[in-house]
Every structure is written in C-alpha cells, then in structure tokens.
Amino acid sequence: MLKTQELAGFIASYPKGGLPDEVVGIITAAITDYLGVTLAGAKSSVFLKAITLHSVSQGPASIWATGLSASIVDAAFYNGIAAHSLELDDINTHMVAHPSNQLLPGLFALAEVEGNSGCDLIRAYQVGFEVGIAIANQTHPALIQRGWFPVGVLGPVMQAAACASLLELSQAQCANALGLAANAASGLRENSGSDAKPIAAGHACASGVRAALLARAGVGASGTALQGRFGYLRLFGEVGEDGGVDSPGAYLPHCDHFSLLESGLNFKPYPCCGANHSSIDCALELGNSNDFSPDDIAAIGITIPESARTILLHTDPTNADEARFSVEYCTAQALLQREVGPAQFTDAEVRNERIRTLMKKVTRHYRKNRSSADELRRGHFPVEMEITLGDGRVLSGSVEYAKGSAANPLIAEQLEQKFVTCASVAVSEERISAILGLIRRFDQMESMVELLGLVRD
C-alpha cells in the first residue's frame, strides 16, 4: 500500500530537469488543449452562473477570459469549472479521469503569483500525474464501481502534489499537503450530466492548491492519511482480507518512470463523455460510407463495454448536460447531422423531434470488458454497431480506439485547430496567434506573465 511519507518523499525529491523530450511534448500538448477548452468554458452556462458568486475584490491570480482576478484558490476553482464545463478536456483511461483539469488550474494560478517558469510547471505536472497513476492503482476499479467521481477523489491529491512540487515543499510539508487534500476528496457519479460535475472539478482544484498553501504555512495532517485504518486508500480502494489494498499493480512512483509514455492522454474531438466517442466515430463512418437517409433507419444496435454502465447514465436525456452522457443521443446526432460539435449540445437540440425519434431506435447492449491492461491504458473502448434499414439492409461497423485516444491520437495540426476553434469563442484571432507562439516555446518561458496577459481578458 502507498504510504503518505513515501509519496511525500517522491514529491519533495523529484529532480529538476531531465524529462524526456516526449514527456515534455505530451505535457505541452496538454497545456495547449487545456488553454483552449478553458477559454471556451469561460462562456459556458455553468461558469457564468458560478462566477456571479465572485466578490468584487481583486486578487493576484487571473480568472481567464473575464478580466477578473482572485486569490490563488478562487482562481483555481473558477478556471477548473471552465475547463470541465464542456466535456472537452483530456482523459487518461488508466485513472478514468481528466488529468489536465486536475492539475493545471492550480498550477497556473500558483505559477502566476509565485513567478514560476514554464519548465517548473511542466515538472510539477509530471509529478502530479505520477501521483494520480499511483493512487489509481490502489483505488480502481472499486472507486469507479462504487459510483465515486474520480476527478473529485483523485483531483485534490493530484493537485496538492503538483502544487507542493511547484512550491518546493519539504517532505514533511508534502505529507501534510497530501493529508489535507485527501480530507477534501469527494464527488458523486450520480451528478454526471448536471452543473454539479464541473463544480466538483473546480472544487478539487481549489482543495488541492489550498492544501499545498496550508502545508507551506505550517498546517498539519495525519502522517497516515492515505494508508491509515480510516484513511483515504482504505475508504476509496478495495481492502483485502489481510487489511491491505487489493491492487497487484500498485507501486511507489519513481523519478525515472514516466507513466505518460505508457498511457498517454486522450484529447477529445467531441464535447461529450469520452465513453461516447467510439460510438460517434462508428456512426460517422457508417453514415459517410453508405447511401441512406436517417429517415431510412429502422433500428440501431450498439454494443459497448460493461464499464460504460456506470458512466453513460442517461438513455433519455432531457437537457444538453445529460445528452453528453447518452450514447443514444450522441449516436443519433452523428447519424442525423454527420457531425458532433458544440451546436449539437443545446437544450433545443435535445428537444428536436427528429433527434428524439431517432434516439428511440437505439438499443444499447453491454459486453464484458475484454481489454488488456495495456489496451485500457491506451484508451481501448471497443464498440460494435448494427444499423437496420427499412429496406432490409443491415450495416455493420466497429471501432476499437476512438479518434483522439492515446492509441489513435489527433495529429498536431488537429490539436492546434481544436485550440483555435475553442479559443475563438473568447479571444481575438490576433491573440490566438500570439498564444500559440508562446505555447510552442512553453518550456523556455521564464514566467507566465505574457501568456496569462493574453488569456485574462
């Protein structure tokens, strides 16, 4: 079982520099994606409602695309909401979570105030990511099966670890930060498809950075907060008969091990739950390669992994948020519109009679998960689809890895275009060009001042 003090030692002793170029490249891509989806999310309904709670007082950290500033903790909270509000933020399927949303809101807010460099932020991201993988090895699949929201449970601890690294806390302070963050772990899967989900993401970010700052100020926590009898790992993980956590893949992270090279990140092309993406790809392929009209469809059968049962909660969505977690809705949109983008996720679209009629023709079937551990790490989510037409034809297709998954990645140009599309919602074309120029040399940036000046207003 992971021990608090050992994990704290890993964080405190992580070396500066020396990250492989491929790791730096993945993290830079994650930063690019995060910047775009957060700027777009600052115009989302849930963000605009949440920001009304912000006081008029100013602070040292920026709330992006608003012209407002706040404390480090509040900036992490609001930017964390924005980043998760459109379901466009990246995924790691090993954690079954959204790493950049769990790491970058706090890191950017902290780096803005502390004056950290791009290289410092990349290193802290790597530390937080490794901590997330190590915890997931001890809590999954029990955490998922019980209905916990992984972002809300893993997020505070990951964010605290990353921020503790950025602040260069001592081992004792890192242990306190982990214990304080573990105390804030929460989040219910039942809230998927509601405003509460991105709010939980913002809460995780704020809790993590707050824990690191409290630890720096001398606030303490139990030295066994993770592994203790009533600790985080025993409550969220699967406790065996010997009292240990049943997880043969558990390990203490090491500075020469790079989990990003094993599991990578999935960058989303569609603004909905990643468990829908293979089905969307399959429906688009069948729709674009065969001659039929949506009105010709008599029935649609979709076979998806059993794990989707606890993720895709809405078979008959009533609003846009629920629709993001409905394979019926996403498949119907792909077949009707031949695209799945932001325009497809409005309350009006969910009420569209043509969509509702087509949704009723979709039947989902579950299949026992058959992916190997390595396949799961790379985003394996196999889907089989069968479309029966009124004239008797049956069209069949399958997808193993969705577009954007670590095993079927977006190319650099596609990722950059996604950034441009998202950012254009909030900032000018001139600023977009300037932001991209800075991101391309992010690891050489001495501070965040210039970059954050471009995304603040």
Protein backbone atom coordinates (compact mmCIF):
# COMPACT_ATOMS: atom_id res chain seq x y z
CA MET A 1 0.00 0.00 0.00
CA LEU A 2 1.18 3.53 -0.72
CA LYS A 3 2.35 5.31 2.40
CA THR A 4 1.91 9.03 2.91
CA GLN A 5 5.50 9.70 3.90
CA GLU A 6 6.94 7.71 0.99
CA LEU A 7 4.77 9.50 -1.55
CA ALA A 8 5.72 12.81 0.06
CA GLY A 9 9.37 11.86 -0.32
CA PHE A 10 8.85 11.22 -4.03
CA ILE A 11 7.30 14.67 -4.47
CA ALA A 12 9.91 16.53 -2.43
CA SER A 13 12.91 14.84 -4.05
CA TYR A 14 11.80 14.91 -7.68
CA PRO A 15 14.77 16.19 -9.71
CA LYS A 16 14.73 19.39 -11.73
CA GLY A 17 15.18 18.99 -15.47
CA GLY A 18 15.96 15.81 -17.33
CA LEU A 19 12.45 14.95 -18.50
CA PRO A 20 12.42 13.06 -21.82
CA ASP A 21 11.52 15.21 -24.81
CA GLU A 22 8.48 13.00 -25.49
CA VAL A 23 7.13 13.64 -21.98
CA VAL A 24 7.66 17.39 -22.39
CA GLY A 25 5.86 17.18 -25.73
CA ILE A 26 2.83 15.40 -24.26
CA ILE A 27 2.56 17.89 -21.40
CA THR A 28 2.91 20.82 -23.80
CA ALA A 29 0.10 19.34 -25.91
CA ALA A 30 -1.97 19.02 -22.73
CA ILE A 31 -1.34 22.68 -21.92
CA THR A 32 -2.41 23.68 -25.44
CA ASP A 33 -5.61 21.69 -25.12
CA TYR A 34 -6.30 22.97 -21.61
CA LEU A 35 -5.90 26.59 -22.64
CA GLY A 36 -8.42 26.19 -25.46
CA VAL A 37 -11.11 24.31 -23.56
CA THR A 38 -10.82 26.64 -20.55
CA LEU A 39 -11.24 29.75 -22.68
CA ALA A 40 -14.29 28.20 -24.36
CA GLY A 41 -15.63 27.03 -21.00
CA ALA A 42 -15.48 30.57 -19.62
CA LYS A 43 -18.52 31.26 -21.82
CA SER A 44 -20.45 28.18 -20.66
CA SER A 45 -23.71 28.38 -18.78
CA VAL A 46 -22.41 26.78 -15.57
CA PHE A 47 -19.35 29.03 -15.44
CA LEU A 48 -21.40 32.18 -15.98
CA LYS A 49 -23.70 31.14 -13.15
CA ALA A 50 -20.83 30.24 -10.83
CA ILE A 51 -18.87 33.45 -11.43
CA THR A 52 -21.76 35.51 -10.06
CA LEU A 53 -20.59 34.38 -6.62
CA HIS A 54 -17.21 36.05 -7.11
CA SER A 55 -16.78 39.17 -5.00
CA VAL A 56 -15.67 42.47 -6.47
CA SER A 57 -12.38 42.29 -4.56
CA GLN A 58 -9.28 41.74 -6.67
CA GLY A 59 -6.54 39.21 -6.15
CA PRO A 60 -3.17 38.17 -7.58
CA ALA A 61 -4.39 35.37 -9.87
CA SER A 62 -6.40 35.58 -13.10
CA ILE A 63 -9.86 34.18 -13.81
CA TRP A 64 -9.48 33.56 -17.52
CA ALA A 65 -11.49 35.36 -20.21
CA THR A 66 -13.26 37.55 -17.66
CA GLY A 67 -10.86 40.37 -16.84
CA LEU A 68 -11.32 39.41 -13.19
CA SER A 69 -8.74 38.38 -10.64
CA ALA A 70 -8.95 36.46 -7.39
CA SER A 71 -7.00 34.61 -4.76
CA ILE A 72 -4.97 31.63 -5.96
CA VAL A 73 -7.56 29.24 -4.54
CA ASP A 74 -10.55 31.01 -6.10
CA ALA A 75 -8.83 31.34 -9.48
CA ALA A 76 -8.17 27.59 -9.46
CA PHE A 77 -11.82 26.99 -8.56
CA TYR A 78 -13.32 29.09 -11.35
CA ASN A 79 -10.82 28.09 -14.04
CA GLY A 80 -11.29 24.45 -13.02
CA ILE A 81 -15.04 24.80 -13.58
CA ALA A 82 -14.48 26.36 -17.00
CA ALA A 83 -12.06 23.64 -18.06
CA HIS A 84 -14.54 20.84 -17.35
CA SER A 85 -17.79 22.58 -18.29
CA LEU A 86 -17.98 21.47 -21.95
CA GLU A 87 -16.65 17.91 -21.54
CA LEU A 88 -13.80 18.73 -23.94
CA ASP A 89 -10.89 18.33 -21.51
CA ASP A 90 -8.41 15.48 -21.89
CA ILE A 91 -8.73 12.00 -20.38
CA ASN A 92 -6.39 9.37 -19.03
CA THR A 93 -8.12 6.00 -19.13
CA HIS A 94 -5.80 4.47 -16.53
CA MET A 95 -7.13 6.97 -13.99
CA VAL A 96 -10.55 7.19 -15.67
CA ALA A 97 -10.20 10.90 -15.04
CA HIS A 98 -9.17 14.23 -16.57
CA PRO A 99 -5.54 14.90 -15.57
CA SER A 100 -5.02 18.35 -17.02
CA ASN A 101 -8.21 19.60 -15.40
CA GLN A 102 -6.95 18.12 -12.12
CA LEU A 103 -3.50 19.72 -12.38
CA LEU A 104 -3.36 22.88 -14.47
CA PRO A 105 -5.94 25.20 -12.83
CA GLY A 106 -3.98 25.25 -9.58
CA LEU A 107 -0.57 25.20 -11.25
CA PHE A 108 -1.30 28.18 -13.48
CA ALA A 109 -2.80 30.21 -10.64
CA LEU A 110 0.14 29.41 -8.38
CA ALA A 111 2.78 29.97 -11.07
CA GLU A 112 1.26 33.35 -11.92
CA VAL A 113 1.73 34.53 -8.34
CA GLU A 114 4.97 32.74 -7.48
CA GLY A 115 6.72 33.66 -10.74
CA ASN A 116 7.47 30.11 -11.86
CA SER A 117 8.80 29.22 -15.29
CA GLY A 118 7.27 27.01 -17.96
CA CYS A 119 9.83 24.34 -17.14
CA ASP A 120 8.81 24.46 -13.46
CA LEU A 121 5.17 23.98 -14.39
CA ILE A 122 5.92 21.05 -16.71
CA ARG A 123 7.90 19.32 -13.96
CA ALA A 124 5.09 19.84 -11.44
CA TYR A 125 2.56 18.43 -13.92
CA GLN A 126 4.70 15.31 -14.30
CA VAL A 127 4.88 14.86 -10.51
CA GLY A 128 1.12 15.26 -10.10
CA PHE A 129 0.42 12.87 -12.96
CA GLU A 130 2.59 10.13 -11.43
CA VAL A 131 0.85 10.58 -8.09
CA GLY A 132 -2.52 10.18 -9.83
CA ILE A 133 -1.45 6.94 -11.52
CA ALA A 134 -0.08 5.55 -8.25
CA ILE A 135 -3.34 6.31 -6.44
CA ALA A 136 -5.48 4.90 -9.25
CA ASN A 137 -3.51 1.65 -8.96
CA GLN A 138 -4.71 1.45 -5.35
CA THR A 139 -8.30 2.64 -5.73
CA HIS A 140 -9.52 1.32 -9.10
CA PRO A 141 -11.79 -0.35 -10.04
CA ALA A 142 -13.51 -0.24 -6.64
CA LEU A 143 -13.75 3.55 -6.67
CA ILE A 144 -15.43 3.52 -10.09
CA GLN A 145 -17.80 0.66 -9.27
CA ARG A 146 -18.99 2.36 -6.11
CA GLY A 147 -20.01 5.43 -8.10
CA TRP A 148 -17.37 7.90 -6.98
CA PHE A 149 -16.37 10.64 -9.44
CA PRO A 150 -12.60 10.09 -9.96
CA VAL A 151 -11.87 13.77 -10.67
CA GLY A 152 -13.33 14.68 -7.28
CA VAL A 153 -11.46 11.92 -5.45
CA LEU A 154 -8.09 11.82 -7.20
CA GLY A 155 -8.10 15.50 -8.14
CA PRO A 156 -7.43 17.17 -4.77
CA VAL A 157 -4.48 14.86 -4.02
CA MET A 158 -3.01 15.19 -7.52
CA GLN A 159 -3.39 18.97 -7.44
CA ALA A 160 -1.83 19.16 -3.98
CA ALA A 161 1.11 17.02 -5.08
CA ALA A 162 1.73 19.13 -8.18
CA CYS A 163 1.46 22.40 -6.27
CA ALA A 164 3.70 21.10 -3.48
CA SER A 165 6.27 20.30 -6.14
CA LEU A 166 5.96 23.75 -7.70
CA LEU A 167 6.38 25.33 -4.23
CA GLU A 168 9.36 23.05 -3.49
CA LEU A 169 7.91 21.99 -0.14
CA SER A 170 9.85 19.74 2.23
CA GLN A 171 8.93 16.08 2.63
CA ALA A 172 7.10 16.86 5.89
CA GLN A 173 5.16 19.68 4.24
CA CYS A 174 4.33 17.46 1.24
CA ALA A 175 2.95 14.82 3.61
CA ASN A 176 0.75 17.43 5.25
CA ALA A 177 -0.45 18.67 1.86
CA LEU A 178 -1.42 15.11 0.86
CA GLY A 179 -3.29 14.59 4.13
CA LEU A 180 -5.15 17.87 3.87
CA ALA A 181 -6.09 17.22 0.25
CA ALA A 182 -7.23 13.66 0.99
CA ASN A 183 -9.61 15.13 3.55
CA ALA A 184 -11.35 17.08 0.75
CA ALA A 185 -11.86 14.14 -1.62
CA SER A 186 -15.47 13.86 -2.80
CA GLY A 187 -17.67 13.69 -5.85
CA LEU A 188 -20.63 11.57 -6.97
CA ARG A 189 -21.00 9.93 -10.37
CA GLU A 190 -24.74 10.45 -9.96
CA ASN A 191 -24.15 14.12 -10.72
CA SER A 192 -22.86 13.38 -14.24
CA GLY A 193 -24.97 15.32 -16.69
CA SER A 194 -25.56 18.26 -14.35
CA ASP A 195 -23.86 21.51 -13.36
CA ALA A 196 -22.57 19.77 -10.23
CA LYS A 197 -19.98 17.81 -12.24
CA PRO A 198 -17.82 20.77 -13.37
CA ILE A 199 -18.36 22.39 -9.97
CA ALA A 200 -16.83 19.27 -8.42
CA ALA A 201 -13.84 19.63 -10.75
CA GLY A 202 -13.33 23.23 -9.64
CA HIS A 203 -13.67 22.18 -6.00
CA ALA A 204 -10.97 19.52 -6.49
CA CYS A 205 -8.54 22.07 -7.94
CA ALA A 206 -9.22 24.61 -5.21
CA SER A 207 -8.92 21.98 -2.47
CA GLY A 208 -5.57 20.77 -3.79
CA VAL A 209 -3.89 24.14 -4.14
CA ARG A 210 -5.32 25.22 -0.78
CA ALA A 211 -3.85 22.10 0.84
CA ALA A 212 -0.38 22.90 -0.53
CA LEU A 213 -0.57 26.52 0.62
CA LEU A 214 -1.81 25.49 4.07
CA ALA A 215 1.03 22.98 4.35
CA ARG A 216 3.54 25.69 3.45
CA ALA A 217 2.01 27.83 6.21
CA GLY A 218 2.63 25.05 8.72
CA VAL A 219 -0.80 23.43 8.93
CA GLY A 220 -0.52 19.71 9.63
CA ALA A 221 -2.41 16.49 8.89
CA SER A 222 -2.17 12.85 9.89
CA GLY A 223 1.03 11.18 8.72
CA THR A 224 -1.03 8.14 7.76
CA ALA A 225 -3.88 9.97 5.99
CA LEU A 226 -3.52 7.78 2.91
CA GLN A 227 -2.84 4.30 4.34
CA GLY A 228 -4.25 4.51 7.85
CA ARG A 229 -7.02 2.34 9.25
CA PHE A 230 -9.58 5.01 8.35
CA GLY A 231 -7.50 6.55 5.59
CA TYR A 232 -8.12 7.57 2.02
CA LEU A 233 -6.93 4.38 0.32
CA ARG A 234 -8.92 2.03 2.56
CA LEU A 235 -12.10 4.06 2.13
CA PHE A 236 -11.88 4.52 -1.63
CA GLY A 237 -9.94 1.37 -2.57
CA GLU A 238 -10.64 -2.35 -2.22
CA VAL A 239 -9.45 -3.61 1.15
CA GLY A 240 -8.35 -7.25 1.15
CA GLU A 241 -8.64 -9.83 3.91
CA ASP A 242 -5.12 -9.00 5.11
CA GLY A 243 -6.07 -5.38 5.56
CA GLY A 244 -4.10 -4.26 2.54
CA VAL A 245 -5.43 -2.77 -0.65
CA ASP A 246 -6.00 -5.42 -3.32
CA SER A 247 -4.08 -3.98 -6.25
CA PRO A 248 -1.30 -6.05 -7.77
CA GLY A 249 -0.30 -3.13 -10.00
CA ALA A 250 0.40 -0.82 -7.06
CA TYR A 251 3.78 0.83 -6.98
CA LEU A 252 5.57 3.78 -5.48
CA PRO A 253 6.36 6.17 -8.34
CA HIS A 254 10.00 6.76 -9.25
CA CYS A 255 11.64 9.72 -10.91
CA ASP A 256 12.89 7.54 -13.79
CA HIS A 257 9.43 6.13 -14.58
CA PHE A 258 7.17 8.05 -16.97
CA SER A 259 3.57 6.86 -16.97
CA LEU A 260 2.68 9.40 -19.66
CA LEU A 261 4.71 7.31 -22.11
CA GLU A 262 2.67 4.21 -21.20
CA SER A 263 -0.88 5.54 -21.05
CA GLY A 264 -0.64 8.95 -22.67
CA LEU A 265 -3.62 11.29 -22.88
CA ASN A 266 -6.82 11.19 -24.91
CA PHE A 267 -7.60 14.56 -26.48
CA LYS A 268 -11.30 14.87 -27.24
CA PRO A 269 -12.61 15.85 -30.69
CA TYR A 270 -16.23 15.80 -29.43
CA PRO A 271 -17.71 17.80 -26.50
CA CYS A 272 -19.16 14.88 -24.58
CA CYS A 273 -18.17 11.99 -22.34
CA GLY A 274 -15.27 10.03 -23.81
CA ALA A 275 -17.24 6.78 -23.47
CA ASN A 276 -19.38 8.04 -26.37
CA HIS A 277 -16.53 8.70 -28.76
CA SER A 278 -16.09 5.22 -30.26
CA SER A 279 -19.81 5.09 -30.97
CA ILE A 280 -19.71 8.53 -32.60
CA ASP A 281 -16.76 7.50 -34.78
CA CYS A 282 -18.54 4.31 -35.80
CA ALA A 283 -21.81 6.11 -36.62
CA LEU A 284 -19.99 8.77 -38.65
CA GLU A 285 -18.10 6.11 -40.61
CA LEU A 286 -21.27 4.14 -41.39
CA GLY A 287 -23.18 7.29 -42.26
CA ASN A 288 -20.50 8.71 -44.54
CA SER A 289 -19.65 5.46 -46.35
CA ASN A 290 -23.18 4.25 -47.12
CA ASP A 291 -26.09 5.68 -49.08
CA PHE A 292 -29.03 6.12 -46.71
CA SER A 293 -31.05 8.81 -45.01
CA PRO A 294 -31.64 8.97 -41.25
CA ASP A 295 -35.33 8.53 -42.05
CA ASP A 296 -34.49 5.12 -43.58
CA ILE A 297 -33.26 3.75 -40.24
CA ALA A 298 -35.46 1.17 -38.56
CA ALA A 299 -33.19 0.19 -35.65
CA ILE A 300 -29.72 0.81 -34.25
CA GLY A 301 -27.98 -1.69 -32.01
CA ILE A 302 -24.84 -0.65 -30.12
CA THR A 303 -22.65 -3.00 -28.09
CA ILE A 304 -20.36 -1.25 -25.62
CA PRO A 305 -18.14 -2.37 -22.71
CA GLU A 306 -19.79 -3.15 -19.40
CA SER A 307 -17.78 -0.33 -17.78
CA ALA A 308 -19.96 2.21 -19.61
CA ARG A 309 -22.90 1.24 -17.41
CA THR A 310 -21.55 3.43 -14.59
CA ILE A 311 -20.56 6.29 -16.91
CA LEU A 312 -23.21 6.76 -19.62
CA LEU A 313 -26.08 7.28 -17.22
CA HIS A 314 -28.69 8.88 -19.47
CA THR A 315 -30.65 6.84 -22.02
CA ASP A 316 -33.33 9.52 -22.48
CA PRO A 317 -31.67 12.90 -21.79
CA THR A 318 -33.80 15.93 -21.06
CA ASN A 319 -31.14 18.64 -21.46
CA ALA A 320 -27.75 19.28 -23.04
CA ASP A 321 -25.75 18.29 -19.96
CA GLU A 322 -27.44 14.90 -19.74
CA ALA A 323 -27.03 14.44 -23.50
CA ARG A 324 -23.24 14.50 -23.08
CA PHE A 325 -23.62 11.24 -21.14
CA SER A 326 -26.02 9.49 -23.51
CA VAL A 327 -24.77 7.12 -26.22
CA GLU A 328 -28.30 7.13 -27.67
CA TYR A 329 -28.24 10.88 -28.17
CA CYS A 330 -24.66 11.11 -29.45
CA THR A 331 -25.19 8.30 -31.95
CA ALA A 332 -28.44 9.84 -33.20
CA GLN A 333 -26.74 13.20 -33.69
CA ALA A 334 -23.84 11.63 -35.58
CA LEU A 335 -26.25 9.89 -37.95
CA LEU A 336 -28.60 12.84 -38.37
CA GLN A 337 -26.14 15.74 -38.60
CA ARG A 338 -22.99 13.85 -39.69
CA GLU A 339 -21.11 15.83 -37.05
CA VAL A 340 -20.99 16.13 -33.27
CA GLY A 341 -19.88 19.53 -32.02
CA PRO A 342 -20.97 22.30 -29.65
CA ALA A 343 -24.00 23.11 -31.81
CA GLN A 344 -25.37 19.63 -31.12
CA PHE A 345 -25.39 20.17 -27.36
CA THR A 346 -28.11 22.69 -26.65
CA ASP A 347 -31.38 22.16 -24.82
CA ALA A 348 -33.21 22.99 -28.03
CA GLU A 349 -31.39 20.24 -29.91
CA VAL A 350 -32.25 17.73 -27.19
CA ARG A 351 -35.92 18.59 -27.71
CA ASN A 352 -35.64 18.29 -31.51
CA GLU A 353 -38.29 15.79 -32.62
CA ARG A 354 -36.11 14.22 -35.32
CA ILE A 355 -33.40 13.53 -32.75
CA ARG A 356 -35.86 12.14 -30.23
CA THR A 357 -37.40 9.87 -32.86
CA LEU A 358 -34.01 8.53 -33.88
CA MET A 359 -32.89 8.08 -30.28
CA LYS A 360 -35.84 5.77 -29.64
CA LYS A 361 -34.48 3.43 -32.33
CA VAL A 362 -31.18 2.97 -30.44
CA THR A 363 -30.75 -0.07 -28.20
CA ARG A 364 -27.59 -0.41 -26.17
CA HIS A 365 -26.09 -3.78 -25.25
CA TYR A 366 -23.27 -4.43 -22.82
CA ARG A 367 -20.38 -6.81 -23.24
CA LYS A 368 -17.96 -7.98 -20.57
CA ASN A 369 -14.78 -5.92 -20.64
CA ARG A 370 -12.18 -7.79 -22.69
CA SER A 371 -9.43 -5.20 -22.95
CA SER A 372 -5.97 -5.99 -21.62
CA ALA A 373 -4.43 -3.67 -19.03
CA ASP A 374 -2.14 -2.19 -21.67
CA GLU A 375 -5.05 -1.64 -24.08
CA LEU A 376 -7.09 0.09 -21.38
CA ARG A 377 -4.18 2.40 -20.61
CA ARG A 378 -4.11 3.44 -24.26
CA GLY A 379 -7.83 4.24 -24.44
CA HIS A 380 -9.29 0.95 -25.71
CA PHE A 381 -13.09 1.23 -25.80
CA PRO A 382 -14.41 -1.23 -28.41
CA VAL A 383 -17.83 -0.62 -29.93
CA GLU A 384 -19.88 -2.63 -32.40
CA MET A 385 -22.81 -1.06 -34.25
CA GLU A 386 -25.54 -2.53 -36.43
CA ILE A 387 -27.95 -0.28 -38.34
CA THR A 388 -31.03 -1.93 -39.80
CA LEU A 389 -32.67 -0.01 -42.64
CA GLY A 390 -36.29 -0.09 -43.70
CA ASP A 391 -35.39 -1.80 -46.98
CA GLY A 392 -33.88 -4.75 -45.11
CA ARG A 393 -30.23 -3.79 -45.44
CA VAL A 394 -28.07 -4.20 -42.35
CA LEU A 395 -24.98 -2.03 -41.99
CA SER A 396 -22.34 -3.14 -39.50
CA GLY A 397 -19.23 -1.46 -38.17
CA SER A 398 -16.86 -1.45 -35.26
CA VAL A 399 -14.28 0.82 -33.63
CA GLU A 400 -11.55 -0.29 -31.22
CA TYR A 401 -9.90 3.04 -30.36
CA ALA A 402 -11.75 6.34 -30.71
CA LYS A 403 -10.20 9.22 -32.59
CA GLY A 404 -8.15 11.24 -30.13
CA SER A 405 -7.27 8.29 -27.89
CA ALA A 406 -3.64 7.66 -26.98
CA ALA A 407 -3.55 4.77 -29.48
CA ASN A 408 -5.31 6.76 -32.23
CA PRO A 409 -4.14 10.30 -31.49
CA LEU A 410 -5.03 13.60 -33.04
CA ILE A 411 -2.11 14.90 -35.08
CA ALA A 412 -0.51 18.20 -34.06
CA GLU A 413 -2.44 20.16 -36.68
CA GLN A 414 -5.77 18.75 -35.46
CA LEU A 415 -4.96 19.58 -31.85
CA GLU A 416 -3.96 23.10 -32.81
CA GLN A 417 -7.17 23.53 -34.82
CA LYS A 418 -9.18 22.39 -31.81
CA PHE A 419 -7.41 25.04 -29.75
CA VAL A 420 -8.17 27.73 -32.34
CA THR A 421 -11.85 26.72 -32.52
CA CYS A 422 -12.23 26.74 -28.74
CA ALA A 423 -10.23 29.89 -28.06
CA SER A 424 -12.04 31.89 -30.74
CA VAL A 425 -15.12 31.85 -28.52
CA ALA A 426 -13.33 34.11 -26.05
CA VAL A 427 -10.31 35.86 -27.61
CA SER A 428 -9.36 37.55 -30.88
CA GLU A 429 -7.57 35.94 -33.81
CA GLU A 430 -4.52 38.10 -33.10
CA ARG A 431 -4.34 36.87 -29.51
CA ILE A 432 -4.81 33.26 -30.59
CA SER A 433 -1.79 33.54 -32.84
CA ALA A 434 0.26 35.09 -30.03
CA ILE A 435 -0.81 32.40 -27.54
CA LEU A 436 0.18 29.62 -29.94
CA GLY A 437 3.56 31.25 -30.44
CA LEU A 438 4.17 31.23 -26.69
CA ILE A 439 2.97 27.66 -26.21
CA ARG A 440 5.43 26.43 -28.83
CA ARG A 441 8.26 27.56 -26.57
CA PHE A 442 6.47 26.98 -23.27
CA ASP A 443 9.37 25.05 -21.73
CA GLN A 444 11.61 28.08 -22.36
CA MET A 445 9.28 30.66 -20.81
CA GLU A 446 10.74 32.32 -17.72
CA SER A 447 7.34 33.29 -16.32
CA MET A 448 3.61 33.12 -17.05
CA VAL A 449 3.18 36.89 -17.25
CA GLU A 450 2.97 37.31 -21.02
CA LEU A 451 0.83 34.22 -21.63
CA LEU A 452 -1.67 34.95 -18.88
CA GLY A 453 -1.91 38.54 -20.04
CA LEU A 454 -3.32 37.18 -23.29
CA VAL A 455 -5.96 34.93 -21.71
CA ARG A 456 -7.05 37.13 -18.78
CA ASP A 457 -9.49 39.44 -20.60
